[in-house]
Amino acid sequence: MKIIAIKTLRDFWETHPAAEQPLRAWVDEVRKAQWMQPADIKAHYRNASFLHNRRVVFNIKGNDFRLIVAVAYRVGVVYVKFIGTHVQYDAVDAATIELE
């Protein structure tokens, strides 16, 4: 899969160093993945939550951080929409948030 907005993840782990290794691991795994449907994600990420608009919420570092992405299955692209702490996540609408 191709990931759009990796810089957003890098910027985040620079201010939250505890997120760096888990996010790097996620990036490596997703780049190697070939997700054709939500079940492909669920097979590897059992705690992933699926929302409408092809959005998926990932728990990062034991749920310390939350990552929201939109997945375009047909073209193999994952768009980063949000990365934040659990508290920051609770303050946003996961179904509609966009990068600023």
C-alpha atoms as a PDB file:
ATOM      1  CA  MET A   1       0.000   0.000   0.000  1.00  0.00           C
ATOM      2  CA  LYS A   2       1.103   3.550  -0.580  1.00  0.00           C
ATOM      3  CA  ILE A   3       0.831   5.860   2.424  1.00  0.00           C
ATOM      4  CA  ILE A   4      -0.037   9.525   1.900  1.00  0.00           C
ATOM      5  CA  ALA A   5       1.093  12.027   4.564  1.00  0.00           C
ATOM      6  CA  ILE A   6       3.900  10.077   6.231  1.00  0.00           C
ATOM      7  CA  LYS A   7       5.388  13.467   7.127  1.00  0.00           C
ATOM      8  CA  THR A   8       2.458  13.931   9.487  1.00  0.00           C
ATOM      9  CA  LEU A   9       3.490  10.759  11.305  1.00  0.00           C
ATOM     10  CA  ARG A  10       7.133  11.863  11.442  1.00  0.00           C
ATOM     11  CA  ASP A  11       6.170  15.259  12.824  1.00  0.00           C
ATOM     12  CA  PHE A  12       4.070  13.534  15.467  1.00  0.00           C
ATOM     13  CA  TRP A  13       6.770  11.158  16.650  1.00  0.00           C
ATOM     14  CA  GLU A  14       9.246  14.027  16.904  1.00  0.00           C
ATOM     15  CA  THR A  15       7.033  15.558  19.591  1.00  0.00           C
ATOM     16  CA  HIS A  16       5.955  12.163  21.022  1.00  0.00           C
ATOM     17  CA  PRO A  17       9.110   9.975  20.947  1.00  0.00           C
ATOM     18  CA  ALA A  18       7.275   7.009  22.482  1.00  0.00           C
ATOM     19  CA  ALA A  19       5.238   6.785  19.272  1.00  0.00           C
ATOM     20  CA  GLU A  20       8.225   6.567  16.909  1.00  0.00           C
ATOM     21  CA  GLN A  21       8.962   2.832  16.965  1.00  0.00           C
ATOM     22  CA  PRO A  22       5.302   1.722  16.863  1.00  0.00           C
ATOM     23  CA  LEU A  23       4.546   4.140  14.006  1.00  0.00           C
ATOM     24  CA  ARG A  24       7.649   3.095  12.060  1.00  0.00           C
ATOM     25  CA  ALA A  25       6.575  -0.537  12.457  1.00  0.00           C
ATOM     26  CA  TRP A  26       3.055   0.323  11.270  1.00  0.00           C
ATOM     27  CA  VAL A  27       4.450   2.158   8.222  1.00  0.00           C
ATOM     28  CA  ASP A  28       6.687  -0.802   7.312  1.00  0.00           C
ATOM     29  CA  GLU A  29       3.835  -3.284   7.660  1.00  0.00           C
ATOM     30  CA  VAL A  30       1.370  -1.200   5.667  1.00  0.00           C
ATOM     31  CA  ARG A  31       3.832  -0.573   2.836  1.00  0.00           C
ATOM     32  CA  LYS A  32       4.168  -4.354   2.427  1.00  0.00           C
ATOM     33  CA  ALA A  33       0.424  -5.020   2.721  1.00  0.00           C
ATOM     34  CA  GLN A  34      -2.054  -5.502  -0.090  1.00  0.00           C
ATOM     35  CA  TRP A  35      -5.404  -4.668   1.431  1.00  0.00           C
ATOM     36  CA  MET A  36      -8.284  -5.449  -0.896  1.00  0.00           C
ATOM     37  CA  GLN A  37     -11.056  -5.257   1.710  1.00  0.00           C
ATOM     38  CA  PRO A  38     -11.531  -4.492   5.421  1.00  0.00           C
ATOM     39  CA  ALA A  39     -11.136  -8.176   6.316  1.00  0.00           C
ATOM     40  CA  ASP A  40      -7.509  -7.987   5.131  1.00  0.00           C
ATOM     41  CA  ILE A  41      -6.824  -5.280   7.701  1.00  0.00           C
ATOM     42  CA  LYS A  42      -8.729  -7.082  10.452  1.00  0.00           C
ATOM     43  CA  ALA A  43      -6.697 -10.250   9.858  1.00  0.00           C
ATOM     44  CA  HIS A  44      -3.524  -8.424  10.890  1.00  0.00           C
ATOM     45  CA  TYR A  45      -4.875  -5.684  13.165  1.00  0.00           C
ATOM     46  CA  ARG A  46      -7.531  -7.309  15.325  1.00  0.00           C
ATOM     47  CA  ASN A  47      -8.151  -4.113  17.311  1.00  0.00           C
ATOM     48  CA  ALA A  48      -8.677  -1.903  14.256  1.00  0.00           C
ATOM     49  CA  SER A  49     -12.037  -0.133  14.211  1.00  0.00           C
ATOM     50  CA  PHE A  50     -13.888   0.499  10.968  1.00  0.00           C
ATOM     51  CA  LEU A  51     -15.968   3.610  10.348  1.00  0.00           C
ATOM     52  CA  HIS A  52     -17.923   4.814   7.319  1.00  0.00           C
ATOM     53  CA  ASN A  53     -16.067   6.599   4.480  1.00  0.00           C
ATOM     54  CA  ARG A  54     -13.525   3.729   4.361  1.00  0.00           C
ATOM     55  CA  ARG A  55     -11.960   5.033   7.571  1.00  0.00           C
ATOM     56  CA  VAL A  56     -10.008   2.838   9.937  1.00  0.00           C
ATOM     57  CA  VAL A  57      -8.817   3.633  13.457  1.00  0.00           C
ATOM     58  CA  PHE A  58      -5.631   1.949  14.662  1.00  0.00           C
ATOM     59  CA  ASN A  59      -4.492   1.731  18.267  1.00  0.00           C
ATOM     60  CA  ILE A  60      -0.793   2.590  18.428  1.00  0.00           C
ATOM     61  CA  LYS A  61       1.466   1.627  21.329  1.00  0.00           C
ATOM     62  CA  GLY A  62      -1.113  -0.192  23.372  1.00  0.00           C
ATOM     63  CA  ASN A  63      -3.783   2.426  22.708  1.00  0.00           C
ATOM     64  CA  ASP A  64      -1.637   5.350  23.934  1.00  0.00           C
ATOM     65  CA  PHE A  65      -2.067   6.893  20.480  1.00  0.00           C
ATOM     66  CA  ARG A  66      -4.753   6.716  17.823  1.00  0.00           C
ATOM     67  CA  LEU A  67      -4.253   6.803  14.077  1.00  0.00           C
ATOM     68  CA  ILE A  68      -7.133   7.453  11.674  1.00  0.00           C
ATOM     69  CA  VAL A  69      -6.681   6.650   8.002  1.00  0.00           C
ATOM     70  CA  ALA A  70      -8.882   6.410   4.932  1.00  0.00           C
ATOM     71  CA  VAL A  71      -8.203   3.416   2.714  1.00  0.00           C
ATOM     72  CA  ALA A  72      -8.709   3.423  -1.053  1.00  0.00           C
ATOM     73  CA  TYR A  73      -8.698  -0.338  -1.551  1.00  0.00           C
ATOM     74  CA  ARG A  74      -8.925  -0.386  -5.351  1.00  0.00           C
ATOM     75  CA  VAL A  75      -5.896   1.847  -5.876  1.00  0.00           C
ATOM     76  CA  GLY A  76      -3.903   0.655  -2.857  1.00  0.00           C
ATOM     77  CA  VAL A  77      -3.577   3.974  -1.034  1.00  0.00           C
ATOM     78  CA  VAL A  78      -3.821   4.792   2.670  1.00  0.00           C
ATOM     79  CA  TYR A  79      -4.441   8.454   3.562  1.00  0.00           C
ATOM     80  CA  VAL A  80      -3.428   9.601   7.044  1.00  0.00           C
ATOM     81  CA  LYS A  81      -6.257  11.727   8.458  1.00  0.00           C
ATOM     82  CA  PHE A  82      -5.243  12.051  12.122  1.00  0.00           C
ATOM     83  CA  ILE A  83      -2.610  10.959  14.616  1.00  0.00           C
ATOM     84  CA  GLY A  84      -2.865  11.935  18.244  1.00  0.00           C
ATOM     85  CA  THR A  85      -2.987  10.916  21.837  1.00  0.00           C
ATOM     86  CA  HIS A  86      -6.032   9.129  23.146  1.00  0.00           C
ATOM     87  CA  VAL A  87      -7.215  12.389  24.739  1.00  0.00           C
ATOM     88  CA  GLN A  88      -6.802  14.278  21.443  1.00  0.00           C
ATOM     89  CA  TYR A  89      -8.671  11.502  19.636  1.00  0.00           C
ATOM     90  CA  ASP A  90     -11.590  11.811  22.038  1.00  0.00           C
ATOM     91  CA  ALA A  91     -11.907  15.490  21.044  1.00  0.00           C
ATOM     92  CA  VAL A  92     -12.326  14.882  17.291  1.00  0.00           C
ATOM     93  CA  ASP A  93     -14.952  13.352  15.035  1.00  0.00           C
ATOM     94  CA  ALA A  94     -13.121  10.341  13.632  1.00  0.00           C
ATOM     95  CA  ALA A  95     -15.573  10.006  10.754  1.00  0.00           C
ATOM     96  CA  THR A  96     -14.958  13.475   9.341  1.00  0.00           C
ATOM     97  CA  ILE A  97     -11.566  14.783  10.534  1.00  0.00           C
ATOM     98  CA  GLU A  98      -9.144  15.904   7.843  1.00  0.00           C
ATOM     99  CA  LEU A  99      -5.513  16.952   8.039  1.00  0.00           C
ATOM    100  CA  GLU A 100      -5.085  20.669   8.477  1.00  0.00           C
END
